[in-house]
C-alpha cells in the first residue's frame, strides 16, 4: 500500500470524505486548510486521511475513511500510523481526533491505536448538522474527543 499527498480531489475522494462527514460545506471548508493524504492499492484509491493544524503543537485528524470494500484490512490503522508519523516529523506534540459517540467501530480503532478519551462535545452533531444522523440504530448527538501524545 502507498500513502501519498492528494494533489487533485476526485469523486472517489469526495465520496470517502462524505462517508465520514456528511456535511459537504464543512468538508469543503476544512480541506482548504488541511493536509490530505490518500492510500492506494494497485493504483486505486482505498482511503483518505485529512490532517488539520489546530493549535501550536497540535494536529487533528479531521477526517479518515476507507472505501467499504477495503475495510477490515488494516488500512485505517496504517493511515493513523502515517498521521502520527507525519505529526512527529513536523514537530507536533499531540494528535487529536473526534468521532460520534455511536461510532463504536471507530472508537475501538482509535483506542487500539493508542488514543485516549479527553472529552465529550455534547450535542455537537445536533448543532452542526441539519439532518439527523442515525448510526448503529441510535441518533448521533455527541462527539467524543480523543488524543495521543507523539
N, C-alpha and C. Protein backbone atom coordinates (compact mmCIF):
# COMPACT_ATOMS: atom_id res chain seq x y z
N UNK A 1 0.84 -1.18 0.00
CA UNK A 1 0.00 0.00 0.00
C UNK A 1 0.89 1.25 0.00
N UNK A 2 0.48 2.23 -0.75
CA UNK A 2 1.18 3.50 -0.85
C UNK A 2 0.30 4.60 -0.25
N UNK A 3 0.90 5.51 0.51
CA UNK A 3 0.19 6.68 1.02
C UNK A 3 0.91 7.90 0.49
N UNK A 4 0.15 8.79 -0.16
CA UNK A 4 0.75 9.99 -0.73
C UNK A 4 -0.21 11.17 -0.59
N UNK A 5 0.34 12.37 -0.78
CA UNK A 5 -0.45 13.58 -0.69
C UNK A 5 -1.46 13.63 -1.83
N UNK A 6 -2.67 14.08 -1.54
CA UNK A 6 -3.69 14.25 -2.57
C UNK A 6 -3.36 15.53 -3.33
N UNK A 7 -3.17 15.41 -4.63
CA UNK A 7 -2.87 16.58 -5.46
C UNK A 7 -4.15 17.16 -6.05
N UNK A 8 -5.06 16.30 -6.50
CA UNK A 8 -6.32 16.73 -7.09
C UNK A 8 -7.44 15.86 -6.53
N UNK A 9 -8.48 16.49 -6.03
CA UNK A 9 -9.60 15.74 -5.46
C UNK A 9 -10.48 15.19 -6.58
N UNK A 10 -10.81 13.90 -6.45
CA UNK A 10 -11.65 13.20 -7.42
C UNK A 10 -13.00 12.88 -6.78
N UNK A 11 -13.96 12.42 -7.56
CA UNK A 11 -15.23 11.99 -6.96
C UNK A 11 -15.04 10.89 -5.90
N UNK A 12 -14.05 10.02 -6.06
CA UNK A 12 -13.78 8.99 -5.05
C UNK A 12 -13.34 9.62 -3.74
N UNK A 13 -12.48 10.62 -3.82
CA UNK A 13 -12.06 11.33 -2.60
C UNK A 13 -13.27 11.95 -1.91
N UNK A 14 -14.13 12.62 -2.68
CA UNK A 14 -15.31 13.26 -2.09
C UNK A 14 -16.24 12.22 -1.47
N UNK A 15 -16.42 11.10 -2.14
CA UNK A 15 -17.24 10.01 -1.59
C UNK A 15 -16.70 9.54 -0.25
N UNK A 16 -15.39 9.37 -0.18
CA UNK A 16 -14.75 8.95 1.08
C UNK A 16 -14.95 10.00 2.17
N UNK A 17 -14.67 11.25 1.86
CA UNK A 17 -14.79 12.32 2.85
C UNK A 17 -16.22 12.42 3.38
N UNK A 18 -17.20 12.32 2.48
CA UNK A 18 -18.60 12.44 2.90
C UNK A 18 -19.11 11.19 3.61
N UNK A 19 -18.44 10.07 3.42
CA UNK A 19 -18.84 8.86 4.16
C UNK A 19 -18.49 9.00 5.63
N UNK A 20 -17.45 9.79 5.93
CA UNK A 20 -17.04 10.01 7.32
C UNK A 20 -17.66 11.28 7.90
N UNK A 21 -18.02 12.23 7.03
CA UNK A 21 -18.58 13.51 7.46
C UNK A 21 -19.60 13.96 6.42
N UNK A 22 -20.89 13.79 6.69
CA UNK A 22 -21.90 14.09 5.67
C UNK A 22 -22.17 15.57 5.42
N UNK A 23 -21.50 16.46 6.13
CA UNK A 23 -21.71 17.89 5.94
C UNK A 23 -20.73 18.40 4.88
N UNK A 24 -21.21 18.48 3.64
CA UNK A 24 -20.35 18.85 2.50
C UNK A 24 -19.71 20.22 2.69
N UNK A 25 -20.45 21.17 3.23
CA UNK A 25 -19.90 22.51 3.42
C UNK A 25 -18.73 22.50 4.42
N UNK A 26 -18.90 21.75 5.51
CA UNK A 26 -17.80 21.64 6.49
C UNK A 26 -16.58 20.98 5.87
N UNK A 27 -16.80 19.91 5.12
CA UNK A 27 -15.69 19.20 4.47
C UNK A 27 -14.95 20.13 3.53
N UNK A 28 -15.69 20.84 2.68
CA UNK A 28 -15.05 21.74 1.72
C UNK A 28 -14.28 22.84 2.43
N UNK A 29 -14.76 23.28 3.58
CA UNK A 29 -14.09 24.34 4.34
C UNK A 29 -12.79 23.83 4.97
N UNK A 30 -12.83 22.66 5.62
CA UNK A 30 -11.61 22.24 6.32
C UNK A 30 -10.54 21.64 5.40
N UNK A 31 -10.91 21.11 4.25
CA UNK A 31 -9.85 20.56 3.39
C UNK A 31 -8.98 21.68 2.80
N UNK A 32 -9.51 22.90 2.74
CA UNK A 32 -8.71 24.03 2.24
C UNK A 32 -7.55 24.36 3.18
N UNK A 33 -7.71 24.05 4.47
CA UNK A 33 -6.71 24.40 5.48
C UNK A 33 -5.92 23.18 5.96
N UNK A 34 -6.08 22.06 5.29
CA UNK A 34 -5.56 20.79 5.79
C UNK A 34 -4.52 20.19 4.85
N UNK A 35 -3.87 19.16 5.37
CA UNK A 35 -3.00 18.29 4.58
C UNK A 35 -3.80 17.01 4.33
N UNK A 36 -3.97 16.64 3.07
CA UNK A 36 -4.80 15.48 2.72
C UNK A 36 -3.92 14.42 2.07
N UNK A 37 -4.10 13.18 2.52
CA UNK A 37 -3.32 12.06 2.02
C UNK A 37 -4.27 10.92 1.63
N UNK A 38 -3.89 10.19 0.58
CA UNK A 38 -4.68 9.06 0.12
C UNK A 38 -3.87 7.78 0.23
N UNK A 39 -4.59 6.69 0.46
CA UNK A 39 -3.95 5.37 0.40
C UNK A 39 -4.34 4.76 -0.94
N UNK A 40 -3.38 4.08 -1.53
CA UNK A 40 -3.62 3.44 -2.83
C UNK A 40 -3.19 1.98 -2.79
N UNK A 41 -3.96 1.18 -3.49
CA UNK A 41 -3.62 -0.23 -3.67
C UNK A 41 -3.70 -0.50 -5.16
N UNK A 42 -2.59 -0.88 -5.74
CA UNK A 42 -2.52 -1.15 -7.17
C UNK A 42 -3.02 0.04 -7.99
N UNK A 43 -2.69 1.25 -7.52
CA UNK A 43 -3.06 2.46 -8.24
C UNK A 43 -4.46 2.98 -7.98
N UNK A 44 -5.24 2.26 -7.17
CA UNK A 44 -6.62 2.66 -6.89
C UNK A 44 -6.73 3.22 -5.47
N UNK A 45 -7.44 4.32 -5.34
CA UNK A 45 -7.65 4.94 -4.03
C UNK A 45 -8.45 4.00 -3.15
N UNK A 46 -7.95 3.78 -1.93
CA UNK A 46 -8.66 2.92 -0.98
C UNK A 46 -9.10 3.68 0.28
N UNK A 47 -8.40 4.80 0.58
CA UNK A 47 -8.73 5.54 1.79
C UNK A 47 -8.17 6.94 1.74
N UNK A 48 -8.52 7.73 2.77
CA UNK A 48 -8.08 9.11 2.85
C UNK A 48 -7.94 9.50 4.32
N UNK A 49 -7.00 10.40 4.60
CA UNK A 49 -6.86 10.96 5.93
C UNK A 49 -6.57 12.45 5.75
N UNK A 50 -7.23 13.27 6.57
CA UNK A 50 -7.11 14.72 6.48
C UNK A 50 -6.58 15.24 7.82
N UNK A 51 -5.46 15.96 7.76
CA UNK A 51 -4.78 16.45 8.96
C UNK A 51 -4.84 17.97 8.99
N UNK A 52 -5.32 18.52 10.11
CA UNK A 52 -5.50 19.96 10.25
C UNK A 52 -4.75 20.47 11.47
N UNK A 53 -3.80 21.38 11.28
CA UNK A 53 -3.18 22.02 12.45
C UNK A 53 -4.23 22.87 13.15
N UNK A 54 -4.42 22.64 14.45
CA UNK A 54 -5.48 23.37 15.17
C UNK A 54 -4.93 24.35 16.19
N UNK A 55 -3.84 24.02 16.83
CA UNK A 55 -3.18 24.88 17.82
C UNK A 55 -1.68 24.64 17.69
N UNK A 56 -0.88 25.52 18.29
CA UNK A 56 0.56 25.22 18.27
C UNK A 56 0.82 23.82 18.84
N UNK A 57 1.57 23.05 18.11
CA UNK A 57 1.98 21.70 18.51
C UNK A 57 0.84 20.68 18.51
N UNK A 58 -0.32 21.03 17.93
CA UNK A 58 -1.45 20.09 17.89
C UNK A 58 -1.95 19.93 16.46
N UNK A 59 -2.11 18.67 16.06
CA UNK A 59 -2.61 18.31 14.75
C UNK A 59 -3.86 17.46 14.96
N UNK A 60 -4.91 17.74 14.21
CA UNK A 60 -6.14 16.96 14.35
C UNK A 60 -6.41 16.16 13.09
N UNK A 61 -6.76 14.90 13.29
CA UNK A 61 -7.28 14.09 12.18
C UNK A 61 -8.76 14.47 12.09
N UNK A 62 -9.08 15.29 11.08
CA UNK A 62 -10.46 15.78 10.97
C UNK A 62 -11.32 14.89 10.09
N UNK A 63 -10.69 13.99 9.34
CA UNK A 63 -11.45 13.07 8.51
C UNK A 63 -10.54 11.89 8.20
N UNK A 64 -11.09 10.71 8.32
CA UNK A 64 -10.39 9.49 7.92
C UNK A 64 -11.45 8.52 7.45
N UNK A 65 -11.22 7.92 6.29
CA UNK A 65 -12.21 6.99 5.73
C UNK A 65 -11.54 5.98 4.82
N UNK A 66 -12.11 4.80 4.78
CA UNK A 66 -11.65 3.73 3.91
C UNK A 66 -12.87 3.25 3.11
N UNK A 67 -12.69 3.07 1.81
CA UNK A 67 -13.80 2.56 0.99
C UNK A 67 -14.31 1.25 1.58
N UNK A 68 -15.61 1.08 1.55
CA UNK A 68 -16.25 -0.06 2.21
C UNK A 68 -15.64 -1.40 1.80
N UNK A 69 -15.35 -1.58 0.51
CA UNK A 69 -14.83 -2.87 0.06
C UNK A 69 -13.41 -3.15 0.55
N UNK A 70 -12.74 -2.13 1.12
CA UNK A 70 -11.38 -2.30 1.64
C UNK A 70 -11.32 -2.26 3.16
N UNK A 71 -12.46 -2.09 3.80
CA UNK A 71 -12.48 -2.04 5.26
C UNK A 71 -12.15 -3.40 5.85
N UNK A 72 -11.57 -3.37 7.06
CA UNK A 72 -11.22 -4.62 7.73
C UNK A 72 -9.88 -5.19 7.29
N UNK A 73 -9.12 -4.43 6.51
CA UNK A 73 -7.83 -4.90 6.00
C UNK A 73 -6.64 -4.16 6.63
N UNK A 74 -6.90 -3.36 7.66
CA UNK A 74 -5.82 -2.66 8.33
C UNK A 74 -5.45 -1.32 7.71
N UNK A 75 -6.18 -0.87 6.71
CA UNK A 75 -5.85 0.38 6.04
C UNK A 75 -6.06 1.57 6.99
N UNK A 76 -7.13 1.55 7.76
CA UNK A 76 -7.38 2.62 8.72
C UNK A 76 -6.24 2.75 9.72
N UNK A 77 -5.78 1.62 10.23
CA UNK A 77 -4.64 1.64 11.16
C UNK A 77 -3.39 2.20 10.50
N UNK A 78 -3.16 1.83 9.25
CA UNK A 78 -1.98 2.33 8.54
C UNK A 78 -2.09 3.83 8.29
N UNK A 79 -3.30 4.33 7.99
CA UNK A 79 -3.48 5.76 7.81
C UNK A 79 -3.25 6.52 9.12
N UNK A 80 -3.71 5.95 10.22
CA UNK A 80 -3.48 6.59 11.53
C UNK A 80 -2.00 6.58 11.86
N UNK A 81 -1.34 5.46 11.64
CA UNK A 81 0.10 5.37 11.89
C UNK A 81 0.85 6.40 11.04
N UNK A 82 0.45 6.54 9.80
CA UNK A 82 1.04 7.54 8.91
C UNK A 82 0.83 8.95 9.47
N UNK A 83 -0.38 9.24 9.94
CA UNK A 83 -0.70 10.55 10.51
C UNK A 83 0.17 10.84 11.72
N UNK A 84 0.37 9.84 12.57
CA UNK A 84 1.20 10.02 13.76
C UNK A 84 2.66 10.27 13.38
N UNK A 85 3.13 9.57 12.36
CA UNK A 85 4.49 9.79 11.87
C UNK A 85 4.64 11.19 11.29
N UNK A 86 3.65 11.64 10.52
CA UNK A 86 3.67 13.00 9.97
C UNK A 86 3.73 14.03 11.10
N UNK A 87 2.95 13.79 12.14
CA UNK A 87 2.93 14.72 13.28
C UNK A 87 4.32 14.82 13.91
N UNK A 88 4.93 13.67 14.17
CA UNK A 88 6.28 13.65 14.77
C UNK A 88 7.29 14.38 13.87
N UNK A 89 7.25 14.06 12.58
CA UNK A 89 8.21 14.62 11.64
C UNK A 89 8.08 16.13 11.50
N UNK A 90 6.89 16.67 11.80
CA UNK A 90 6.66 18.11 11.68
C UNK A 90 6.55 18.78 13.04
N UNK A 91 7.10 18.12 14.06
CA UNK A 91 7.25 18.68 15.42
C UNK A 91 5.95 18.97 16.16
N UNK A 92 4.88 18.26 15.80
CA UNK A 92 3.67 18.34 16.61
C UNK A 92 3.84 17.46 17.82
N UNK A 93 3.21 17.81 18.92
CA UNK A 93 3.32 17.06 20.16
C UNK A 93 2.09 16.21 20.44
N UNK A 94 0.93 16.66 19.92
CA UNK A 94 -0.33 15.98 20.21
C UNK A 94 -1.13 15.82 18.93
N UNK A 95 -1.77 14.66 18.80
CA UNK A 95 -2.70 14.43 17.70
C UNK A 95 -4.06 14.18 18.32
N UNK A 96 -5.05 14.89 17.82
CA UNK A 96 -6.43 14.74 18.31
C UNK A 96 -7.30 14.15 17.22
N UNK A 97 -8.41 13.57 17.66
CA UNK A 97 -9.42 13.06 16.73
C UNK A 97 -10.76 13.09 17.45
N UNK A 98 -11.82 13.32 16.69
CA UNK A 98 -13.16 13.28 17.25
C UNK A 98 -14.02 12.34 16.44
N UNK A 99 -14.97 11.71 17.12
CA UNK A 99 -15.88 10.81 16.42
C UNK A 99 -17.20 10.78 17.17
N UNK A 100 -18.19 10.23 16.52
CA UNK A 100 -19.51 10.15 17.14
C UNK A 100 -19.54 9.17 18.31
N UNK A 101 -20.36 9.52 19.28
CA UNK A 101 -20.49 8.64 20.46
C UNK A 101 -21.11 7.30 20.09
N UNK A 102 -21.75 7.22 18.93
CA UNK A 102 -22.35 5.96 18.48
C UNK A 102 -21.47 5.25 17.44
N UNK A 103 -20.27 5.77 17.21
CA UNK A 103 -19.34 5.21 16.21
C UNK A 103 -18.46 4.16 16.88
N UNK A 104 -19.06 3.05 17.22
CA UNK A 104 -18.37 2.04 18.04
C UNK A 104 -17.11 1.49 17.37
N UNK A 105 -17.16 1.22 16.08
CA UNK A 105 -16.00 0.69 15.36
C UNK A 105 -14.85 1.68 15.35
N UNK A 106 -15.17 2.95 15.12
CA UNK A 106 -14.13 3.97 15.10
C UNK A 106 -13.53 4.16 16.50
N UNK A 107 -14.38 4.20 17.52
CA UNK A 107 -13.88 4.33 18.90
C UNK A 107 -12.92 3.19 19.24
N UNK A 108 -13.27 1.99 18.82
CA UNK A 108 -12.39 0.84 19.05
C UNK A 108 -11.05 1.03 18.33
N UNK A 109 -11.12 1.40 17.05
CA UNK A 109 -9.90 1.58 16.25
C UNK A 109 -8.98 2.64 16.86
N UNK A 110 -9.54 3.78 17.21
CA UNK A 110 -8.70 4.87 17.73
C UNK A 110 -8.04 4.48 19.06
N UNK A 111 -8.78 3.80 19.91
CA UNK A 111 -8.20 3.37 21.18
C UNK A 111 -7.17 2.26 20.95
N UNK A 112 -7.42 1.39 19.99
CA UNK A 112 -6.46 0.35 19.63
C UNK A 112 -5.14 0.97 19.16
N UNK A 113 -5.24 2.15 18.52
CA UNK A 113 -4.05 2.86 18.01
C UNK A 113 -3.40 3.74 19.08
N UNK A 114 -3.94 3.71 20.31
CA UNK A 114 -3.30 4.43 21.41
C UNK A 114 -3.96 5.73 21.84
N UNK A 115 -5.00 6.14 21.15
CA UNK A 115 -5.70 7.35 21.54
C UNK A 115 -6.46 7.13 22.85
N UNK A 116 -6.55 8.20 23.64
CA UNK A 116 -7.29 8.16 24.91
C UNK A 116 -8.37 9.22 24.87
N UNK A 117 -9.48 8.93 25.49
CA UNK A 117 -10.60 9.88 25.53
C UNK A 117 -10.22 11.09 26.38
N UNK A 118 -10.56 12.27 25.84
CA UNK A 118 -10.24 13.51 26.55
C UNK A 118 -11.49 14.34 26.84
N UNK A 119 -12.61 14.03 26.19
CA UNK A 119 -13.81 14.81 26.46
C UNK A 119 -14.96 14.46 25.56
N UNK A 120 -16.08 15.08 25.86
CA UNK A 120 -17.30 14.90 25.08
C UNK A 120 -17.83 16.28 24.73
N UNK A 121 -18.12 16.49 23.46
CA UNK A 121 -18.75 17.73 22.99
C UNK A 121 -20.23 17.41 22.84
N UNK A 122 -20.99 17.71 23.90
CA UNK A 122 -22.41 17.36 23.92
C UNK A 122 -23.18 18.09 22.84
N UNK A 123 -24.05 17.36 22.15
CA UNK A 123 -24.93 17.88 21.10
C UNK A 123 -24.20 18.45 19.89
N UNK A 124 -22.94 18.08 19.70
CA UNK A 124 -22.17 18.57 18.55
C UNK A 124 -22.89 18.32 17.23
N UNK A 125 -23.38 17.10 17.05
CA UNK A 125 -23.99 16.74 15.76
C UNK A 125 -25.38 17.36 15.60
N UNK A 126 -26.03 17.70 16.67
CA UNK A 126 -27.31 18.41 16.60
C UNK A 126 -27.07 19.86 16.18
N UNK A 127 -26.00 20.47 16.74
CA UNK A 127 -25.69 21.88 16.43
C UNK A 127 -25.14 22.07 15.02
N UNK A 128 -24.37 21.11 14.50
CA UNK A 128 -23.64 21.32 13.26
C UNK A 128 -24.20 20.60 12.03
N UNK A 129 -25.23 19.81 12.20
CA UNK A 129 -25.78 19.06 11.07
C UNK A 129 -27.29 19.26 11.02
N UNK A 130 -27.79 19.62 9.84
CA UNK A 130 -29.22 19.88 9.67
C UNK A 130 -30.04 18.59 9.75
N UNK A 131 -29.50 17.53 9.17
CA UNK A 131 -30.21 16.25 9.13
C UNK A 131 -29.81 15.38 10.32
N UNK A 132 -30.78 14.68 10.88
CA UNK A 132 -30.50 13.74 11.96
C UNK A 132 -29.63 12.61 11.42
N UNK A 133 -28.61 12.21 12.18
CA UNK A 133 -27.73 11.11 11.78
C UNK A 133 -28.07 9.90 12.65
N UNK A 134 -28.41 8.80 11.99
CA UNK A 134 -28.72 7.56 12.68
C UNK A 134 -27.55 6.60 12.45
N UNK A 135 -26.97 6.11 13.54
CA UNK A 135 -25.81 5.23 13.45
C UNK A 135 -25.96 4.13 14.49
N UNK A 136 -25.80 2.88 14.05
CA UNK A 136 -25.96 1.74 14.96
C UNK A 136 -27.31 1.80 15.68
N UNK A 137 -28.34 2.22 14.95
CA UNK A 137 -29.73 2.30 15.43
C UNK A 137 -29.91 3.33 16.56
N UNK A 138 -28.97 4.28 16.66
CA UNK A 138 -29.04 5.34 17.66
C UNK A 138 -28.92 6.69 16.97
N UNK A 139 -29.61 7.69 17.49
CA UNK A 139 -29.47 9.05 16.99
C UNK A 139 -28.14 9.60 17.51
N UNK A 140 -27.30 10.05 16.58
CA UNK A 140 -26.00 10.59 16.94
C UNK A 140 -26.16 12.02 17.43
N UNK A 141 -25.70 12.27 18.64
CA UNK A 141 -25.79 13.60 19.23
C UNK A 141 -24.42 14.15 19.62
N UNK A 142 -23.62 13.34 20.31
CA UNK A 142 -22.39 13.83 20.93
C UNK A 142 -21.13 13.40 20.18
N UNK A 143 -20.11 14.27 20.21
CA UNK A 143 -18.80 13.92 19.69
C UNK A 143 -17.89 13.54 20.85
N UNK A 144 -17.20 12.43 20.69
CA UNK A 144 -16.20 12.01 21.66
C UNK A 144 -14.85 12.48 21.14
N UNK A 145 -14.09 13.17 21.98
CA UNK A 145 -12.78 13.69 21.62
C UNK A 145 -11.71 12.77 22.22
N UNK A 146 -10.70 12.44 21.42
CA UNK A 146 -9.59 11.60 21.85
C UNK A 146 -8.29 12.25 21.42
N UNK A 147 -7.20 11.90 22.12
CA UNK A 147 -5.89 12.43 21.72
C UNK A 147 -4.79 11.43 22.09
N UNK A 148 -3.63 11.68 21.51
CA UNK A 148 -2.44 10.89 21.79
C UNK A 148 -1.24 11.84 21.70
N UNK A 149 -0.29 11.67 22.60
CA UNK A 149 0.94 12.43 22.54
C UNK A 149 1.94 11.67 21.68
N UNK A 150 2.62 12.38 20.78
CA UNK A 150 3.56 11.72 19.87
C UNK A 150 4.99 12.15 20.15
